[in-house]
Amino acid sequence: MNRATGTYATSTTLGESVRAFVPHPLPPADPPLAAASFTDLNRQAELALARLSGVSGLVPSVDWLLYSAVRKEALLTSQIEGTQATLTDLFDEEAGFKVSNTDDVAEVTNYLRAFRLVREQLRDPKGLPISGRLLCDAHRLLLDGARGAGKQPGEPRHSQNWIGGTRPGNAVFVPPPPERVPELLSSLERFIHGEAGDLPPLVKIALIHAQFETIHPFLDGNGRIGRLLIGALLEHWNLLVEPLMYLSGYLKQHQAEYYRRLSVIRTEGDWESWVSFFLEAVAVAAADAERGIIAIASLIAADRRKLLQSSKASPATYRLFERLPMMPRFTVERARQQLDTTFPTANAAVRVLEQLDVVVEVTGQKKNRSYSYQAYVDLLTR
């Protein structure tokens, strides 16, 4: 592929002069992106997203699905950056249980807060549009009190960063000089809100993600904000009504290839292989999420049948069961608060679910017992 995707500017950091890459504005030019070559891949990816949106009706509450899908994405996007937290850690933290790796869990929780902020702004008629300012607000929440708290949360970097290597001089990639970042973000914003031409929305999202990662506007958290941007754009352009897909699962599984395809855009001008990789990722991730929803719907339906066939199930038991998909780990006290009832009533409801093998006790203690909707947790962590 004979295409230049940027130029180099000399930047000085830590006493070294380095060649920093400054990307050309989107869309790719000289030659333009061969959009026709993605027709089949794009159709498959869009169809997979449409099927995923349609299958969400299998469960009584889409909030159940959102609870798990958004947490899986938060966890997986954080794991790409080296976070060691698990989904069970996240559920335990929300239940008030003791977790060992609190720093890692805090990073995942911060991602959830950042993603929630972006969704609220985009759904509010008076909220911020997708913009540099909105991404800065999300970035501030992402690094709040976490390991990157000293790395200018909520503002574009004022210093030169680099990727890979022990110092700027032997880095794998040096992003644009800091003084170029504002104009590059403005250009990206114009592309997001400009006319698409003959580029389908998913292809635009692929270009936007790669461009954001190349600009690398923050000192920390660029990967997570860049992937958050993917989810925001999928909803913004009505490709998914709700964020039911966890694309980071595919990107984590193919992490080396993910980074390599982004890299060859800069080194070889090859936008096409990156877009193909991205469209395939969307198709596979959407199909995985669809299968996951079918499995969750089957499990919940089977467990509900157990309740319907039990003479011991009370109204409180049914109400507690309906909360389990958004409260998969809990204590009797937490159940009492959720049901707004007495401790004996909550305890009796939990006991019925335990006797029906819907929930299991996980401490082995006589007092201060904790419970898990374990079959559901196992499904999500599979």
Foldseek 3Di string as FASTA:
>chain_A
DPFAQFAWDWDDDPRDTDTATDGDFDDGPPPGDPQVVCVVLLVLLLVLLVLLQVLCVLDPDNVLLQLLQLLVLLLLLLVLVPQDDAPVLLLCVVQVHDDDCVLSSQLSVLLSVLLVQLVVQLVDPPHDDPALQSLLVSQLSNPVVHPCVVFPRSFFHQAWDAAPDPDNVPGPHTADGLVCLVVLRVSLVCLLPDDPPPHDLLLNLLVSLLSQVRNVRTNDDSSSSSVSVSQSSCCSVVSHVGSSFNLSVLCSVVVVVLVVLSVCCNVPVPSPVSSSVSSVSSSVRSNVSSVLSVVVSVLLVVLVVLLVPDPQADPLLVVLSVCCSNNFKYWLVVSCVSSVHDSVVSVSSVVVCVVSVQKHWDPPDPPRIMIGSVVSVVSSRD
